[in-house]
Amino acid sequence: MNTLMDNTPDHIYFKDRESRFIRVSRSQAKLFGLADPHEIVGKSDFDFFSEAHARPAYEDEQHIIRAGEPLPEIEERETWPDRPDTWVATIKMPMRDRVGDIIGTFGISRDVTERKNAEMQLASERNLLRTLIDNLPDYIFVKDRQSRFLVNNAAHLPALGAKTQEEVIGHNDLLQQMLT
């Protein structure tokens, strides 16, 4: 266990019933700017994150303690008071003693900031491209190898005799014959 806690790049943490840290991995301590994982004992997310992240995380953990059920993997935006936001994929579970009573929570988080930022950039570029395609007066369309429309703009719809994109996407040039 010590080898795992000292060497995993993922952030592993154990918390008591009040959501205070009782043990963390070295990578979790480093994330919080601490040299020694023992420095975190007794602190909570409120000591490191902004209220916007700490409050929902606390509420999730308290729900886990009350319900006794794990929180399936979720992607969380971590907001910090002194640095840019980060993103993690997190799983949290109830921590039980030897007789099965819940004594806290534990979880593991993996940093997915780079992937999440790439997804957001891609979505932004896709939305910009779609806005351009939809608003240009010229006919713009893309077809697959079977000549089926994959992309089509609004200016091209009347030329095809169509009223909606749904009538066009997935069809080929025989569309006009179908619509008439």
C-alpha atoms as a PDB file:
ATOM      1  CA  MET A   1       0.000   0.000   0.000  1.00  0.00           C
ATOM      2  CA  ASN A   2       2.807   2.421   0.835  1.00  0.00           C
ATOM      3  CA  THR A   3       4.474   1.759  -2.523  1.00  0.00           C
ATOM      4  CA  LEU A   4       1.190   2.490  -4.312  1.00  0.00           C
ATOM      5  CA  MET A   5       0.572   5.669  -2.294  1.00  0.00           C
ATOM      6  CA  ASP A   6       4.122   6.918  -2.908  1.00  0.00           C
ATOM      7  CA  ASN A   7       4.328   6.177  -6.625  1.00  0.00           C
ATOM      8  CA  THR A   8       0.968   6.380  -8.357  1.00  0.00           C
ATOM      9  CA  PRO A   9       0.414   9.445 -10.528  1.00  0.00           C
ATOM     10  CA  ASP A  10      -3.293   9.283  -9.635  1.00  0.00           C
ATOM     11  CA  HIS A  11      -4.595  11.162  -6.617  1.00  0.00           C
ATOM     12  CA  ILE A  12      -5.735   8.736  -3.908  1.00  0.00           C
ATOM     13  CA  TYR A  13      -7.364  10.007  -0.736  1.00  0.00           C
ATOM     14  CA  PHE A  14      -9.070   8.734   2.394  1.00  0.00           C
ATOM     15  CA  LYS A  15     -11.381  10.965   4.436  1.00  0.00           C
ATOM     16  CA  ASP A  16     -13.211  10.719   7.752  1.00  0.00           C
ATOM     17  CA  ARG A  17     -16.964  11.194   8.230  1.00  0.00           C
ATOM     18  CA  GLU A  18     -16.526  14.994   8.222  1.00  0.00           C
ATOM     19  CA  SER A  19     -14.685  14.829   4.863  1.00  0.00           C
ATOM     20  CA  ARG A  20     -11.323  15.656   6.398  1.00  0.00           C
ATOM     21  CA  PHE A  21      -8.268  13.994   4.907  1.00  0.00           C
ATOM     22  CA  ILE A  22      -6.778  11.147   6.913  1.00  0.00           C
ATOM     23  CA  ARG A  23      -4.370   9.833   4.267  1.00  0.00           C
ATOM     24  CA  VAL A  24      -3.393  10.811   0.729  1.00  0.00           C
ATOM     25  CA  SER A  25      -1.038   9.655  -1.974  1.00  0.00           C
ATOM     26  CA  ARG A  26       2.177  11.556  -2.546  1.00  0.00           C
ATOM     27  CA  SER A  27       0.783  12.854  -5.867  1.00  0.00           C
ATOM     28  CA  GLN A  28      -2.279  14.249  -4.042  1.00  0.00           C
ATOM     29  CA  ALA A  29      -0.041  16.053  -1.541  1.00  0.00           C
ATOM     30  CA  LYS A  30       2.090  17.426  -4.371  1.00  0.00           C
ATOM     31  CA  LEU A  31      -1.038  18.693  -6.146  1.00  0.00           C
ATOM     32  CA  PHE A  32      -1.840  20.693  -3.007  1.00  0.00           C
ATOM     33  CA  GLY A  33       1.714  22.026  -2.796  1.00  0.00           C
ATOM     34  CA  LEU A  34       2.695  19.922   0.207  1.00  0.00           C
ATOM     35  CA  ALA A  35       6.053  18.162   0.494  1.00  0.00           C
ATOM     36  CA  ASP A  36       4.820  15.498   2.905  1.00  0.00           C
ATOM     37  CA  PRO A  37       1.464  13.694   2.602  1.00  0.00           C
ATOM     38  CA  HIS A  38       1.139  13.776   6.412  1.00  0.00           C
ATOM     39  CA  GLU A  39       0.771  17.586   6.287  1.00  0.00           C
ATOM     40  CA  ILE A  40      -2.738  17.195   4.897  1.00  0.00           C
ATOM     41  CA  VAL A  41      -4.197  15.204   7.800  1.00  0.00           C
ATOM     42  CA  GLY A  42      -7.189  17.030   9.292  1.00  0.00           C
ATOM     43  CA  LYS A  43      -7.639  19.403   6.362  1.00  0.00           C
ATOM     44  CA  SER A  44     -10.461  19.350   3.841  1.00  0.00           C
ATOM     45  CA  ASP A  45     -11.089  20.354   0.241  1.00  0.00           C
ATOM     46  CA  PHE A  46     -12.102  23.799   1.554  1.00  0.00           C
ATOM     47  CA  ASP A  47      -8.455  24.361   2.540  1.00  0.00           C
ATOM     48  CA  PHE A  48      -7.259  23.945  -1.049  1.00  0.00           C
ATOM     49  CA  PHE A  49     -10.042  24.433  -3.595  1.00  0.00           C
ATOM     50  CA  SER A  50     -12.455  27.284  -4.150  1.00  0.00           C
ATOM     51  CA  GLU A  51     -15.962  27.012  -2.703  1.00  0.00           C
ATOM     52  CA  ALA A  52     -17.271  26.249  -6.215  1.00  0.00           C
ATOM     53  CA  HIS A  53     -15.500  22.865  -6.162  1.00  0.00           C
ATOM     54  CA  ALA A  54     -15.159  22.152  -2.449  1.00  0.00           C
ATOM     55  CA  ARG A  55     -18.884  22.450  -1.649  1.00  0.00           C
ATOM     56  CA  PRO A  56     -20.168  19.950  -4.264  1.00  0.00           C
ATOM     57  CA  ALA A  57     -17.316  17.546  -3.424  1.00  0.00           C
ATOM     58  CA  TYR A  58     -18.244  17.734   0.261  1.00  0.00           C
ATOM     59  CA  GLU A  59     -21.932  17.182  -0.532  1.00  0.00           C
ATOM     60  CA  ASP A  60     -21.075  14.152  -2.717  1.00  0.00           C
ATOM     61  CA  GLU A  61     -19.034  12.633   0.119  1.00  0.00           C
ATOM     62  CA  GLN A  62     -21.736  13.260   2.709  1.00  0.00           C
ATOM     63  CA  HIS A  63     -24.271  11.595   0.398  1.00  0.00           C
ATOM     64  CA  ILE A  64     -21.973   8.577   0.073  1.00  0.00           C
ATOM     65  CA  ILE A  65     -21.735   8.363   3.870  1.00  0.00           C
ATOM     66  CA  ARG A  66     -25.529   8.604   4.309  1.00  0.00           C
ATOM     67  CA  ALA A  67     -26.486   6.295   1.419  1.00  0.00           C
ATOM     68  CA  GLY A  68     -23.593   3.857   1.669  1.00  0.00           C
ATOM     69  CA  GLU A  69     -23.289   3.753  -2.106  1.00  0.00           C
ATOM     70  CA  PRO A  70     -20.326   4.686  -4.290  1.00  0.00           C
ATOM     71  CA  LEU A  71     -20.259   7.637  -6.632  1.00  0.00           C
ATOM     72  CA  PRO A  72     -19.633   6.253 -10.124  1.00  0.00           C
ATOM     73  CA  GLU A  73     -16.901   7.848 -12.189  1.00  0.00           C
ATOM     74  CA  ILE A  74     -17.624  11.469 -12.920  1.00  0.00           C
ATOM     75  CA  GLU A  75     -15.605  14.238 -14.491  1.00  0.00           C
ATOM     76  CA  GLU A  76     -15.171  17.137 -12.122  1.00  0.00           C
ATOM     77  CA  ARG A  77     -13.915  20.628 -12.739  1.00  0.00           C
ATOM     78  CA  GLU A  78     -11.532  21.579  -9.946  1.00  0.00           C
ATOM     79  CA  THR A  79     -11.557  25.309  -9.302  1.00  0.00           C
ATOM     80  CA  TRP A  80      -8.625  26.804  -7.453  1.00  0.00           C
ATOM     81  CA  PRO A  81      -8.261  30.170  -5.754  1.00  0.00           C
ATOM     82  CA  ASP A  82      -4.772  30.746  -7.175  1.00  0.00           C
ATOM     83  CA  ARG A  83      -4.396  28.837 -10.464  1.00  0.00           C
ATOM     84  CA  PRO A  84      -6.269  27.772 -13.592  1.00  0.00           C
ATOM     85  CA  ASP A  85      -9.023  25.180 -13.318  1.00  0.00           C
ATOM     86  CA  THR A  86      -8.176  21.511 -13.730  1.00  0.00           C
ATOM     87  CA  TRP A  87     -10.303  18.482 -14.586  1.00  0.00           C
ATOM     88  CA  VAL A  88     -10.284  15.007 -13.037  1.00  0.00           C
ATOM     89  CA  ALA A  89     -12.085  11.721 -13.569  1.00  0.00           C
ATOM     90  CA  THR A  90     -13.089  10.709 -10.033  1.00  0.00           C
ATOM     91  CA  ILE A  91     -14.500   7.659  -8.298  1.00  0.00           C
ATOM     92  CA  LYS A  92     -15.527   7.883  -4.626  1.00  0.00           C
ATOM     93  CA  MET A  93     -16.627   5.071  -2.334  1.00  0.00           C
ATOM     94  CA  PRO A  94     -17.731   4.583   1.245  1.00  0.00           C
ATOM     95  CA  MET A  95     -14.975   3.448   3.612  1.00  0.00           C
ATOM     96  CA  ARG A  96     -16.114   0.824   6.106  1.00  0.00           C
ATOM     97  CA  ASP A  97     -14.646  -0.590   9.296  1.00  0.00           C
ATOM     98  CA  ARG A  98     -14.316  -4.309  10.010  1.00  0.00           C
ATOM     99  CA  VAL A  99     -17.966  -4.681  10.996  1.00  0.00           C
ATOM    100  CA  GLY A 100     -19.240  -2.789   7.946  1.00  0.00           C
ATOM    101  CA  ASP A 101     -20.006   0.590   9.496  1.00  0.00           C
ATOM    102  CA  ILE A 102     -19.184   3.582   7.316  1.00  0.00           C
ATOM    103  CA  ILE A 103     -16.305   5.545   8.803  1.00  0.00           C
ATOM    104  CA  GLY A 104     -15.594   7.861   5.883  1.00  0.00           C
ATOM    105  CA  THR A 105     -14.910   7.874   2.169  1.00  0.00           C
ATOM    106  CA  PHE A 106     -12.048   7.183  -0.174  1.00  0.00           C
ATOM    107  CA  GLY A 107     -11.466   7.971  -3.783  1.00  0.00           C
ATOM    108  CA  ILE A 108      -9.148   8.150  -6.699  1.00  0.00           C
ATOM    109  CA  SER A 109      -8.899  10.949  -9.220  1.00  0.00           C
ATOM    110  CA  ARG A 110      -7.010  11.003 -12.494  1.00  0.00           C
ATOM    111  CA  ASP A 111      -6.033  14.297 -14.095  1.00  0.00           C
ATOM    112  CA  VAL A 112      -7.816  14.629 -17.450  1.00  0.00           C
ATOM    113  CA  THR A 113      -7.211  18.363 -17.906  1.00  0.00           C
ATOM    114  CA  GLU A 114      -5.268  18.021 -21.147  1.00  0.00           C
ATOM    115  CA  ARG A 115      -7.931  15.821 -22.756  1.00  0.00           C
ATOM    116  CA  LYS A 116     -10.790  17.988 -21.469  1.00  0.00           C
ATOM    117  CA  ASN A 117      -9.159  21.172 -22.794  1.00  0.00           C
ATOM    118  CA  ALA A 118      -8.644  19.490 -26.181  1.00  0.00           C
ATOM    119  CA  GLU A 119     -12.317  18.430 -26.235  1.00  0.00           C
ATOM    120  CA  MET A 120     -13.478  21.960 -25.401  1.00  0.00           C
ATOM    121  CA  GLN A 121     -11.198  23.449 -28.074  1.00  0.00           C
ATOM    122  CA  LEU A 122     -12.457  20.949 -30.640  1.00  0.00           C
ATOM    123  CA  ALA A 123     -16.091  21.695 -29.737  1.00  0.00           C
ATOM    124  CA  SER A 124     -15.442  25.422 -30.048  1.00  0.00           C
ATOM    125  CA  GLU A 125     -13.839  24.996 -33.472  1.00  0.00           C
ATOM    126  CA  ARG A 126     -16.649  22.668 -34.588  1.00  0.00           C
ATOM    127  CA  ASN A 127     -19.255  25.245 -33.518  1.00  0.00           C
ATOM    128  CA  LEU A 128     -17.399  28.025 -35.332  1.00  0.00           C
ATOM    129  CA  LEU A 129     -17.131  25.936 -38.500  1.00  0.00           C
ATOM    130  CA  ARG A 130     -20.820  25.015 -38.333  1.00  0.00           C
ATOM    131  CA  THR A 131     -21.740  28.689 -37.912  1.00  0.00           C
ATOM    132  CA  LEU A 132     -19.691  29.581 -40.989  1.00  0.00           C
ATOM    133  CA  ILE A 133     -21.185  26.746 -43.047  1.00  0.00           C
ATOM    134  CA  ASP A 134     -24.738  27.622 -42.043  1.00  0.00           C
ATOM    135  CA  ASN A 135     -24.389  31.337 -42.786  1.00  0.00           C
ATOM    136  CA  LEU A 136     -22.477  31.409 -46.069  1.00  0.00           C
ATOM    137  CA  PRO A 137     -24.684  32.032 -49.126  1.00  0.00           C
ATOM    138  CA  ASP A 138     -22.686  29.570 -51.259  1.00  0.00           C
ATOM    139  CA  TYR A 139     -23.634  25.905 -51.472  1.00  0.00           C
ATOM    140  CA  ILE A 140     -21.498  23.931 -49.053  1.00  0.00           C
ATOM    141  CA  PHE A 141     -21.762  20.176 -48.657  1.00  0.00           C
ATOM    142  CA  VAL A 142     -19.632  17.127 -47.921  1.00  0.00           C
ATOM    143  CA  LYS A 143     -20.367  13.617 -49.154  1.00  0.00           C
ATOM    144  CA  ASP A 144     -19.062  10.181 -48.245  1.00  0.00           C
ATOM    145  CA  ARG A 145     -17.731   7.616 -50.751  1.00  0.00           C
ATOM    146  CA  GLN A 146     -21.262   6.479 -51.561  1.00  0.00           C
ATOM    147  CA  SER A 147     -22.221  10.096 -52.430  1.00  0.00           C
ATOM    148  CA  ARG A 148     -24.393  10.457 -49.328  1.00  0.00           C
ATOM    149  CA  PHE A 149     -24.532  13.907 -47.774  1.00  0.00           C
ATOM    150  CA  LEU A 150     -22.631  14.181 -44.486  1.00  0.00           C
ATOM    151  CA  VAL A 151     -22.729  17.975 -44.206  1.00  0.00           C
ATOM    152  CA  ASN A 152     -24.984  20.432 -45.961  1.00  0.00           C
ATOM    153  CA  ASN A 153     -25.710  24.115 -45.440  1.00  0.00           C
ATOM    154  CA  ALA A 154     -29.023  25.938 -45.412  1.00  0.00           C
ATOM    155  CA  ALA A 155     -28.303  27.760 -48.700  1.00  0.00           C
ATOM    156  CA  HIS A 156     -28.137  24.399 -50.492  1.00  0.00           C
ATOM    157  CA  LEU A 157     -31.475  23.055 -49.183  1.00  0.00           C
ATOM    158  CA  PRO A 158     -33.735  24.815 -51.751  1.00  0.00           C
ATOM    159  CA  ALA A 159     -31.582  23.564 -54.632  1.00  0.00           C
ATOM    160  CA  LEU A 160     -32.207  20.031 -53.395  1.00  0.00           C
ATOM    161  CA  GLY A 161     -35.910  20.652 -52.888  1.00  0.00           C
ATOM    162  CA  ALA A 162     -35.530  20.047 -49.153  1.00  0.00           C
ATOM    163  CA  LYS A 163     -36.741  22.059 -46.180  1.00  0.00           C
ATOM    164  CA  THR A 164     -34.636  20.521 -43.374  1.00  0.00           C
ATOM    165  CA  GLN A 165     -31.165  19.089 -42.900  1.00  0.00           C
ATOM    166  CA  GLU A 166     -32.752  15.829 -41.740  1.00  0.00           C
ATOM    167  CA  GLU A 167     -34.198  15.348 -45.227  1.00  0.00           C
ATOM    168  CA  VAL A 168     -30.718  15.606 -46.741  1.00  0.00           C
ATOM    169  CA  ILE A 169     -28.137  14.061 -44.387  1.00  0.00           C
ATOM    170  CA  GLY A 170     -27.543  10.402 -45.205  1.00  0.00           C
ATOM    171  CA  HIS A 171     -29.124  10.638 -48.670  1.00  0.00           C
ATOM    172  CA  ASN A 172     -27.492  10.913 -52.085  1.00  0.00           C
ATOM    173  CA  ASP A 173     -28.262  13.019 -55.171  1.00  0.00           C
ATOM    174  CA  LEU A 174     -31.387  10.975 -55.856  1.00  0.00           C
ATOM    175  CA  LEU A 175     -32.887  12.962 -52.983  1.00  0.00           C
ATOM    176  CA  GLN A 176     -34.586  15.383 -55.360  1.00  0.00           C
ATOM    177  CA  GLN A 177     -36.473  12.513 -56.974  1.00  0.00           C
ATOM    178  CA  MET A 178     -37.582  11.305 -53.537  1.00  0.00           C
ATOM    179  CA  LEU A 179     -38.814  14.751 -52.513  1.00  0.00           C
ATOM    180  CA  THR A 180     -40.814  15.414 -55.681  1.00  0.00           C
END
